[in-house]
């Protein structure tokens, strides 16, 4: 296996390390998704919750997108019964309308003089990756493992906005996490949105978010775009809705092994 690099706290890095190893075994199984943080069983339900539990034991943590809101209480109760801590986010999603909105935003967007956007990919320098990671972590956002961030384990895009001094001030990304034969094979996890505190309120996250959304759609034929947002994060909620992502009766549920994570979170 090619050497990878992992990010975040010791617990977050250990989860990413275990996930990268597990992914070598299950990458051909259409039931599983992977974006570089953890291997996941999306659409978790009471019928398959035992498999979700196994993923938590194997990695120290896992998260399931596309969980029906009507199943949330039963799935959470089953995970808590194992002694796991749980977390949840609203699952917001958009489709072709979001692509159109994003294209309009990009057509009108203008960066200040001296600012430039750097794409993170297989040929990116270690410094560019480090700046992306440091910025995301400083805003509480856990980036994917290095190979996933660079698009080497799944189709992905990632962008970093640099100021005239070459300092990273905003970032975004998207990963097509799913097997092509998955029910979610036409979709991508979108987000990784972070902007340095002193640069917020200038539209950079909207600009970079629109760029990541259109890029993952145009390059890899993605038709649905989703993310997890905390209910009380009104700024992120507003940004998502500005790009056409809305509620679809779904939630995101994460479960963590307390022996590894204690009371910490997977990500913001």
C-alpha atoms as a PDB file:
ATOM      1  CA  UNK A   1       0.000   0.000   0.000  1.00  0.00           C
ATOM      2  CA  UNK A   2       1.338   3.444  -0.898  1.00  0.00           C
ATOM      3  CA  UNK A   3       2.361   5.437   2.161  1.00  0.00           C
ATOM      4  CA  UNK A   4      -0.353   7.907   3.148  1.00  0.00           C
ATOM      5  CA  UNK A   5      -0.460  10.864   5.511  1.00  0.00           C
ATOM      6  CA  UNK A   6      -3.203  11.487   8.056  1.00  0.00           C
ATOM      7  CA  UNK A   7      -4.441  14.613   9.782  1.00  0.00           C
ATOM      8  CA  UNK A   8      -6.051  15.923  12.928  1.00  0.00           C
ATOM      9  CA  UNK A   9      -5.795  14.791  16.532  1.00  0.00           C
ATOM     10  CA  UNK A  10      -4.195  11.488  17.467  1.00  0.00           C
ATOM     11  CA  UNK A  11      -7.637   9.865  17.528  1.00  0.00           C
ATOM     12  CA  UNK A  12      -8.618  11.350  14.156  1.00  0.00           C
ATOM     13  CA  UNK A  13      -5.356  10.215  12.594  1.00  0.00           C
ATOM     14  CA  UNK A  14      -5.762   6.713  13.996  1.00  0.00           C
ATOM     15  CA  UNK A  15      -9.290   6.500  12.561  1.00  0.00           C
ATOM     16  CA  UNK A  16      -7.998   7.648   9.157  1.00  0.00           C
ATOM     17  CA  UNK A  17      -5.122   5.158   9.336  1.00  0.00           C
ATOM     18  CA  UNK A  18      -7.451   2.237  10.116  1.00  0.00           C
ATOM     19  CA  UNK A  19      -9.912   3.394   7.449  1.00  0.00           C
ATOM     20  CA  UNK A  20      -7.208   3.500   4.772  1.00  0.00           C
ATOM     21  CA  UNK A  21      -6.241  -0.087   5.622  1.00  0.00           C
ATOM     22  CA  UNK A  22      -9.856  -1.272   5.715  1.00  0.00           C
ATOM     23  CA  UNK A  23     -10.539   0.397   2.378  1.00  0.00           C
ATOM     24  CA  UNK A  24      -7.990  -1.902   0.742  1.00  0.00           C
ATOM     25  CA  UNK A  25     -10.280  -4.811   1.665  1.00  0.00           C
ATOM     26  CA  UNK A  26     -13.734  -3.407   0.858  1.00  0.00           C
ATOM     27  CA  UNK A  27     -13.227  -0.934  -1.992  1.00  0.00           C
ATOM     28  CA  UNK A  28     -14.962  -3.253  -4.485  1.00  0.00           C
ATOM     29  CA  UNK A  29     -18.039  -3.697  -2.283  1.00  0.00           C
ATOM     30  CA  UNK A  30     -20.771  -1.291  -3.409  1.00  0.00           C
ATOM     31  CA  UNK A  31     -22.221  -1.109   0.112  1.00  0.00           C
ATOM     32  CA  UNK A  32     -19.332   0.993   1.381  1.00  0.00           C
ATOM     33  CA  UNK A  33     -18.228   4.586   0.838  1.00  0.00           C
ATOM     34  CA  UNK A  34     -14.925   6.294   1.595  1.00  0.00           C
ATOM     35  CA  UNK A  35     -13.827   9.907   1.453  1.00  0.00           C
ATOM     36  CA  UNK A  36     -10.576   9.646   3.380  1.00  0.00           C
ATOM     37  CA  UNK A  37     -11.906  10.044   6.907  1.00  0.00           C
ATOM     38  CA  UNK A  38     -13.619   6.686   7.479  1.00  0.00           C
ATOM     39  CA  UNK A  39     -15.186   3.785   5.623  1.00  0.00           C
ATOM     40  CA  UNK A  40     -18.950   4.187   5.913  1.00  0.00           C
ATOM     41  CA  UNK A  41     -22.217   2.405   5.329  1.00  0.00           C
ATOM     42  CA  UNK A  42     -24.502   5.135   4.024  1.00  0.00           C
ATOM     43  CA  UNK A  43     -28.241   4.942   4.461  1.00  0.00           C
ATOM     44  CA  UNK A  44     -27.844   3.153   7.815  1.00  0.00           C
ATOM     45  CA  UNK A  45     -31.106   1.669   9.101  1.00  0.00           C
ATOM     46  CA  UNK A  46     -32.172  -0.661  11.932  1.00  0.00           C
ATOM     47  CA  UNK A  47     -31.875  -3.569   9.462  1.00  0.00           C
ATOM     48  CA  UNK A  48     -28.132  -3.050   8.902  1.00  0.00           C
ATOM     49  CA  UNK A  49     -27.078  -1.381  12.139  1.00  0.00           C
ATOM     50  CA  UNK A  50     -24.923  -4.365  13.151  1.00  0.00           C
ATOM     51  CA  UNK A  51     -22.678  -3.665  10.152  1.00  0.00           C
ATOM     52  CA  UNK A  52     -22.469  -0.017  11.176  1.00  0.00           C
ATOM     53  CA  UNK A  53     -21.369  -1.155  14.643  1.00  0.00           C
ATOM     54  CA  UNK A  54     -18.664  -3.343  13.123  1.00  0.00           C
ATOM     55  CA  UNK A  55     -17.276  -0.372  11.192  1.00  0.00           C
ATOM     56  CA  UNK A  56     -16.995   1.628  14.409  1.00  0.00           C
ATOM     57  CA  UNK A  57     -15.169  -1.207  16.162  1.00  0.00           C
ATOM     58  CA  UNK A  58     -12.782  -1.656  13.215  1.00  0.00           C
ATOM     59  CA  UNK A  59     -11.932   2.033  12.769  1.00  0.00           C
ATOM     60  CA  UNK A  60     -12.760   3.716  16.037  1.00  0.00           C
ATOM     61  CA  UNK A  61     -15.478   5.738  14.321  1.00  0.00           C
ATOM     62  CA  UNK A  62     -17.732   5.896  11.287  1.00  0.00           C
ATOM     63  CA  UNK A  63     -20.432   8.150   9.875  1.00  0.00           C
ATOM     64  CA  UNK A  64     -23.488   7.390   7.774  1.00  0.00           C
ATOM     65  CA  UNK A  65     -25.020   9.866   5.337  1.00  0.00           C
ATOM     66  CA  UNK A  66     -28.462   9.388   3.745  1.00  0.00           C
ATOM     67  CA  UNK A  67     -30.041   8.151   6.991  1.00  0.00           C
ATOM     68  CA  UNK A  68     -33.817   8.591   6.902  1.00  0.00           C
ATOM     69  CA  UNK A  69     -34.929  10.985   9.626  1.00  0.00           C
ATOM     70  CA  UNK A  70     -37.611   8.449  10.550  1.00  0.00           C
ATOM     71  CA  UNK A  71     -34.846   5.911  11.362  1.00  0.00           C
ATOM     72  CA  UNK A  72     -32.651   8.289  13.349  1.00  0.00           C
ATOM     73  CA  UNK A  73     -33.876   7.437  16.853  1.00  0.00           C
ATOM     74  CA  UNK A  74     -33.664   3.663  16.362  1.00  0.00           C
ATOM     75  CA  UNK A  75     -30.222   3.764  14.734  1.00  0.00           C
ATOM     76  CA  UNK A  76     -28.864   6.126  17.398  1.00  0.00           C
ATOM     77  CA  UNK A  77     -30.307   4.010  20.218  1.00  0.00           C
ATOM     78  CA  UNK A  78     -28.712   0.855  18.797  1.00  0.00           C
ATOM     79  CA  UNK A  79     -25.311   2.546  18.546  1.00  0.00           C
ATOM     80  CA  UNK A  80     -25.564   4.038  22.031  1.00  0.00           C
ATOM     81  CA  UNK A  81     -26.466   0.603  23.406  1.00  0.00           C
ATOM     82  CA  UNK A  82     -22.988  -0.563  22.347  1.00  0.00           C
ATOM     83  CA  UNK A  83     -21.421   2.171  24.466  1.00  0.00           C
ATOM     84  CA  UNK A  84     -20.545   4.348  21.460  1.00  0.00           C
ATOM     85  CA  UNK A  85     -20.921   8.101  21.554  1.00  0.00           C
ATOM     86  CA  UNK A  86     -23.011   9.480  18.703  1.00  0.00           C
ATOM     87  CA  UNK A  87     -23.229  12.736  16.798  1.00  0.00           C
ATOM     88  CA  UNK A  88     -25.538  14.039  14.100  1.00  0.00           C
ATOM     89  CA  UNK A  89     -25.858  16.662  11.375  1.00  0.00           C
ATOM     90  CA  UNK A  90     -28.572  17.771   9.020  1.00  0.00           C
ATOM     91  CA  UNK A  91     -28.118  16.164   5.597  1.00  0.00           C
ATOM     92  CA  UNK A  92     -28.470  18.895   2.960  1.00  0.00           C
ATOM     93  CA  UNK A  93     -28.458  18.020  -0.725  1.00  0.00           C
ATOM     94  CA  UNK A  94     -28.718  19.649  -4.132  1.00  0.00           C
ATOM     95  CA  UNK A  95     -28.859  18.510  -7.739  1.00  0.00           C
ATOM     96  CA  UNK A  96     -28.702  20.077 -11.209  1.00  0.00           C
ATOM     97  CA  UNK A  97     -30.206  23.315  -9.913  1.00  0.00           C
ATOM     98  CA  UNK A  98     -27.168  23.686  -7.665  1.00  0.00           C
ATOM     99  CA  UNK A  99     -24.875  23.361 -10.672  1.00  0.00           C
ATOM    100  CA  UNK A 100     -26.710  26.146 -12.463  1.00  0.00           C
ATOM    101  CA  UNK A 101     -26.617  28.393  -9.402  1.00  0.00           C
ATOM    102  CA  UNK A 102     -22.914  27.702  -8.908  1.00  0.00           C
ATOM    103  CA  UNK A 103     -22.102  28.478 -12.533  1.00  0.00           C
ATOM    104  CA  UNK A 104     -23.903  31.812 -12.244  1.00  0.00           C
ATOM    105  CA  UNK A 105     -21.948  32.647  -9.090  1.00  0.00           C
ATOM    106  CA  UNK A 106     -18.642  31.821 -10.777  1.00  0.00           C
ATOM    107  CA  UNK A 107     -19.534  33.866 -13.845  1.00  0.00           C
ATOM    108  CA  UNK A 108     -19.964  36.950 -11.652  1.00  0.00           C
ATOM    109  CA  UNK A 109     -17.205  36.278  -9.118  1.00  0.00           C
ATOM    110  CA  UNK A 110     -14.073  38.398  -9.086  1.00  0.00           C
ATOM    111  CA  UNK A 111     -11.152  37.833  -6.762  1.00  0.00           C
ATOM    112  CA  UNK A 112      -9.255  40.810  -5.308  1.00  0.00           C
ATOM    113  CA  UNK A 113      -6.018  41.704  -7.062  1.00  0.00           C
ATOM    114  CA  UNK A 114      -3.181  39.365  -6.182  1.00  0.00           C
ATOM    115  CA  UNK A 115      -5.389  36.548  -4.918  1.00  0.00           C
ATOM    116  CA  UNK A 116      -5.245  33.191  -6.675  1.00  0.00           C
ATOM    117  CA  UNK A 117      -6.844  29.770  -6.419  1.00  0.00           C
ATOM    118  CA  UNK A 118      -4.647  26.693  -6.147  1.00  0.00           C
ATOM    119  CA  UNK A 119      -6.075  23.257  -6.915  1.00  0.00           C
ATOM    120  CA  UNK A 120      -4.933  20.394  -4.687  1.00  0.00           C
ATOM    121  CA  UNK A 121      -4.167  17.259  -6.712  1.00  0.00           C
ATOM    122  CA  UNK A 122      -1.614  14.508  -7.338  1.00  0.00           C
ATOM    123  CA  UNK A 123       1.075  17.014  -8.324  1.00  0.00           C
ATOM    124  CA  UNK A 124       0.499  19.501  -5.498  1.00  0.00           C
ATOM    125  CA  UNK A 125       3.481  20.449  -3.401  1.00  0.00           C
ATOM    126  CA  UNK A 126       3.754  19.447   0.232  1.00  0.00           C
ATOM    127  CA  UNK A 127       3.453  23.132   1.155  1.00  0.00           C
ATOM    128  CA  UNK A 128       0.153  23.540  -0.701  1.00  0.00           C
ATOM    129  CA  UNK A 129      -1.283  20.456   0.995  1.00  0.00           C
ATOM    130  CA  UNK A 130       0.002  21.630   4.374  1.00  0.00           C
ATOM    131  CA  UNK A 131      -1.659  25.035   3.942  1.00  0.00           C
ATOM    132  CA  UNK A 132      -4.974  23.425   2.973  1.00  0.00           C
ATOM    133  CA  UNK A 133      -4.841  21.067   5.962  1.00  0.00           C
ATOM    134  CA  UNK A 134      -3.754  23.725   8.454  1.00  0.00           C
ATOM    135  CA  UNK A 135      -6.511  26.079   7.347  1.00  0.00           C
ATOM    136  CA  UNK A 136      -9.211  23.402   7.536  1.00  0.00           C
ATOM    137  CA  UNK A 137      -8.087  22.185  10.961  1.00  0.00           C
ATOM    138  CA  UNK A 138      -7.893  25.742  12.309  1.00  0.00           C
ATOM    139  CA  UNK A 139     -11.597  26.069  11.484  1.00  0.00           C
ATOM    140  CA  UNK A 140     -12.525  22.728  13.064  1.00  0.00           C
ATOM    141  CA  UNK A 141     -12.893  20.890   9.748  1.00  0.00           C
ATOM    142  CA  UNK A 142     -11.143  17.513   9.448  1.00  0.00           C
ATOM    143  CA  UNK A 143      -9.688  17.088   5.941  1.00  0.00           C
ATOM    144  CA  UNK A 144      -9.481  13.626   4.342  1.00  0.00           C
ATOM    145  CA  UNK A 145      -6.289  11.566   4.415  1.00  0.00           C
ATOM    146  CA  UNK A 146      -3.615  12.783   2.022  1.00  0.00           C
ATOM    147  CA  UNK A 147      -4.239  10.344  -0.822  1.00  0.00           C
ATOM    148  CA  UNK A 148      -7.983  11.019  -0.782  1.00  0.00           C
ATOM    149  CA  UNK A 149      -7.437  14.767  -0.652  1.00  0.00           C
ATOM    150  CA  UNK A 150      -5.206  14.507  -3.723  1.00  0.00           C
ATOM    151  CA  UNK A 151      -7.778  12.409  -5.613  1.00  0.00           C
ATOM    152  CA  UNK A 152      -5.784   9.170  -5.552  1.00  0.00           C
ATOM    153  CA  UNK A 153      -8.336   6.915  -3.813  1.00  0.00           C
ATOM    154  CA  UNK A 154     -11.580   8.435  -5.088  1.00  0.00           C
ATOM    155  CA  UNK A 155     -12.449  11.054  -7.691  1.00  0.00           C
ATOM    156  CA  UNK A 156     -12.200  14.369  -5.897  1.00  0.00           C
ATOM    157  CA  UNK A 157     -11.496  18.084  -6.189  1.00  0.00           C
ATOM    158  CA  UNK A 158     -10.023  20.462  -3.618  1.00  0.00           C
ATOM    159  CA  UNK A 159      -9.214  24.165  -3.785  1.00  0.00           C
ATOM    160  CA  UNK A 160      -7.188  26.608  -1.713  1.00  0.00           C
ATOM    161  CA  UNK A 161      -7.432  30.385  -2.024  1.00  0.00           C
ATOM    162  CA  UNK A 162      -4.136  32.199  -1.477  1.00  0.00           C
ATOM    163  CA  UNK A 163      -3.713  35.873  -0.617  1.00  0.00           C
ATOM    164  CA  UNK A 164      -1.025  38.054  -2.278  1.00  0.00           C
ATOM    165  CA  UNK A 165       1.517  36.841   0.303  1.00  0.00           C
ATOM    166  CA  UNK A 166       0.809  33.209  -0.609  1.00  0.00           C
ATOM    167  CA  UNK A 167      -1.067  32.428   2.600  1.00  0.00           C
ATOM    168  CA  UNK A 168      -4.091  30.127   2.507  1.00  0.00           C
ATOM    169  CA  UNK A 169      -7.277  31.932   3.496  1.00  0.00           C
ATOM    170  CA  UNK A 170     -10.168  29.758   2.249  1.00  0.00           C
ATOM    171  CA  UNK A 171     -10.693  26.186   1.020  1.00  0.00           C
ATOM    172  CA  UNK A 172     -13.304  23.812  -0.345  1.00  0.00           C
ATOM    173  CA  UNK A 173     -13.582  20.333  -1.806  1.00  0.00           C
ATOM    174  CA  UNK A 174     -15.744  17.410  -2.878  1.00  0.00           C
ATOM    175  CA  UNK A 175     -15.278  13.650  -3.048  1.00  0.00           C
ATOM    176  CA  UNK A 176     -17.256  11.096  -5.068  1.00  0.00           C
ATOM    177  CA  UNK A 177     -17.242   8.630  -2.147  1.00  0.00           C
ATOM    178  CA  UNK A 178     -19.408   5.886  -3.613  1.00  0.00           C
ATOM    179  CA  UNK A 179     -18.996   2.771  -5.716  1.00  0.00           C
ATOM    180  CA  UNK A 180     -20.553   3.307  -9.188  1.00  0.00           C
ATOM    181  CA  UNK A 181     -23.108   0.553  -8.459  1.00  0.00           C
ATOM    182  CA  UNK A 182     -24.169   2.082  -5.155  1.00  0.00           C
ATOM    183  CA  UNK A 183     -27.646   3.672  -4.922  1.00  0.00           C
ATOM    184  CA  UNK A 184     -25.674   6.839  -4.205  1.00  0.00           C
ATOM    185  CA  UNK A 185     -23.231   6.366  -7.073  1.00  0.00           C
ATOM    186  CA  UNK A 186     -24.325   9.561  -8.835  1.00  0.00           C
ATOM    187  CA  UNK A 187     -23.582  11.731  -5.810  1.00  0.00           C
ATOM    188  CA  UNK A 188     -20.628  13.341  -4.061  1.00  0.00           C
ATOM    189  CA  UNK A 189     -19.852  14.594  -0.606  1.00  0.00           C
ATOM    190  CA  UNK A 190     -19.225  18.314  -0.904  1.00  0.00           C
ATOM    191  CA  UNK A 191     -17.880  20.845   1.576  1.00  0.00           C
ATOM    192  CA  UNK A 192     -14.553  21.132   3.398  1.00  0.00           C
ATOM    193  CA  UNK A 193     -15.490  24.802   3.550  1.00  0.00           C
ATOM    194  CA  UNK A 194     -13.268  26.905   5.770  1.00  0.00           C
ATOM    195  CA  UNK A 195     -12.212  30.550   5.729  1.00  0.00           C
ATOM    196  CA  UNK A 196      -9.704  32.246   7.972  1.00  0.00           C
ATOM    197  CA  UNK A 197     -11.566  34.188  10.627  1.00  0.00           C
ATOM    198  CA  UNK A 198     -10.282  37.624   9.626  1.00  0.00           C
ATOM    199  CA  UNK A 199     -11.280  37.004   5.983  1.00  0.00           C
ATOM    200  CA  UNK A 200     -14.880  35.933   6.539  1.00  0.00           C
ATOM    201  CA  UNK A 201     -17.861  37.827   5.152  1.00  0.00           C
ATOM    202  CA  UNK A 202     -16.233  38.510   1.772  1.00  0.00           C
ATOM    203  CA  UNK A 203     -17.870  35.692  -0.197  1.00  0.00           C
ATOM    204  CA  UNK A 204     -14.810  33.471  -0.471  1.00  0.00           C
ATOM    205  CA  UNK A 205     -16.538  30.310   0.833  1.00  0.00           C
ATOM    206  CA  UNK A 206     -19.430  30.772  -1.585  1.00  0.00           C
ATOM    207  CA  UNK A 207     -16.971  31.242  -4.464  1.00  0.00           C
ATOM    208  CA  UNK A 208     -14.857  28.205  -3.601  1.00  0.00           C
ATOM    209  CA  UNK A 209     -17.896  26.112  -2.719  1.00  0.00           C
ATOM    210  CA  UNK A 210     -19.412  26.853  -6.127  1.00  0.00           C
ATOM    211  CA  UNK A 211     -16.108  25.990  -7.779  1.00  0.00           C
ATOM    212  CA  UNK A 212     -15.861  22.597  -6.045  1.00  0.00           C
ATOM    213  CA  UNK A 213     -19.475  21.777  -6.856  1.00  0.00           C
ATOM    214  CA  UNK A 214     -19.246  22.577 -10.561  1.00  0.00           C
ATOM    215  CA  UNK A 215     -15.853  20.886 -10.915  1.00  0.00           C
ATOM    216  CA  UNK A 216     -16.923  17.548  -9.403  1.00  0.00           C
ATOM    217  CA  UNK A 217     -20.051  17.644 -11.587  1.00  0.00           C
ATOM    218  CA  UNK A 218     -18.312  18.470 -14.867  1.00  0.00           C
ATOM    219  CA  UNK A 219     -15.296  16.193 -14.462  1.00  0.00           C
ATOM    220  CA  UNK A 220     -16.909  13.108 -12.992  1.00  0.00           C
ATOM    221  CA  UNK A 221     -20.575  13.196 -13.985  1.00  0.00           C
ATOM    222  CA  UNK A 222     -21.900  13.771 -10.476  1.00  0.00           C
ATOM    223  CA  UNK A 223     -25.578  14.773 -10.301  1.00  0.00           C
ATOM    224  CA  UNK A 224     -26.225  15.091  -6.560  1.00  0.00           C
ATOM    225  CA  UNK A 225     -24.220  17.007  -3.956  1.00  0.00           C
ATOM    226  CA  UNK A 226     -24.611  16.618  -0.216  1.00  0.00           C
ATOM    227  CA  UNK A 227     -23.094  17.731   3.053  1.00  0.00           C
ATOM    228  CA  UNK A 228     -23.692  17.553   6.788  1.00  0.00           C
ATOM    229  CA  UNK A 229     -24.391  20.768   8.700  1.00  0.00           C
ATOM    230  CA  UNK A 230     -25.189  21.256  12.358  1.00  0.00           C
ATOM    231  CA  UNK A 231     -28.662  22.592  12.931  1.00  0.00           C
ATOM    232  CA  UNK A 232     -27.410  25.628  14.845  1.00  0.00           C
ATOM    233  CA  UNK A 233     -24.715  26.558  12.297  1.00  0.00           C
ATOM    234  CA  UNK A 234     -26.766  29.268  10.656  1.00  0.00           C
ATOM    235  CA  UNK A 235     -23.908  30.622   8.544  1.00  0.00           C
ATOM    236  CA  UNK A 236     -23.222  27.256   6.910  1.00  0.00           C
ATOM    237  CA  UNK A 237     -26.933  26.605   6.541  1.00  0.00           C
ATOM    238  CA  UNK A 238     -27.327  29.905   4.713  1.00  0.00           C
ATOM    239  CA  UNK A 239     -24.362  29.214   2.436  1.00  0.00           C
ATOM    240  CA  UNK A 240     -25.705  25.782   1.489  1.00  0.00           C
ATOM    241  CA  UNK A 241     -29.144  27.140   0.719  1.00  0.00           C
ATOM    242  CA  UNK A 242     -27.583  29.908  -1.378  1.00  0.00           C
ATOM    243  CA  UNK A 243     -26.112  27.120  -3.544  1.00  0.00           C
ATOM    244  CA  UNK A 244     -29.402  25.250  -3.757  1.00  0.00           C
ATOM    245  CA  UNK A 245     -28.780  22.526  -1.166  1.00  0.00           C
ATOM    246  CA  UNK A 246     -31.828  21.782   0.937  1.00  0.00           C
ATOM    247  CA  UNK A 247     -33.581  19.342   3.260  1.00  0.00           C
ATOM    248  CA  UNK A 248     -34.680  15.928   2.007  1.00  0.00           C
ATOM    249  CA  UNK A 249     -35.817  14.222   5.201  1.00  0.00           C
ATOM    250  CA  UNK A 250     -32.314  12.857   5.832  1.00  0.00           C
ATOM    251  CA  UNK A 251     -29.710  13.125   8.574  1.00  0.00           C
ATOM    252  CA  UNK A 252     -26.059  12.191   9.108  1.00  0.00           C
ATOM    253  CA  UNK A 253     -25.207  10.012  12.099  1.00  0.00           C
ATOM    254  CA  UNK A 254     -21.697   9.360  13.405  1.00  0.00           C
ATOM    255  CA  UNK A 255     -20.656   6.877  16.065  1.00  0.00           C
ATOM    256  CA  UNK A 256     -17.348   6.873  17.918  1.00  0.00           C
ATOM    257  CA  UNK A 257     -15.602   4.356  20.118  1.00  0.00           C
ATOM    258  CA  UNK A 258     -15.115   6.145  23.445  1.00  0.00           C
ATOM    259  CA  UNK A 259     -11.908   4.187  24.077  1.00  0.00           C
ATOM    260  CA  UNK A 260     -10.313   6.036  21.149  1.00  0.00           C
ATOM    261  CA  UNK A 261     -12.170   9.341  20.983  1.00  0.00           C
ATOM    262  CA  UNK A 262     -13.451   9.947  24.494  1.00  0.00           C
ATOM    263  CA  UNK A 263     -15.984  12.755  24.112  1.00  0.00           C
ATOM    264  CA  UNK A 264     -14.354  14.266  21.002  1.00  0.00           C
ATOM    265  CA  UNK A 265     -15.985  14.647  17.581  1.00  0.00           C
ATOM    266  CA  UNK A 266     -15.079  13.362  14.127  1.00  0.00           C
ATOM    267  CA  UNK A 267     -15.291  16.866  12.730  1.00  0.00           C
ATOM    268  CA  UNK A 268     -17.039  20.218  13.175  1.00  0.00           C
END
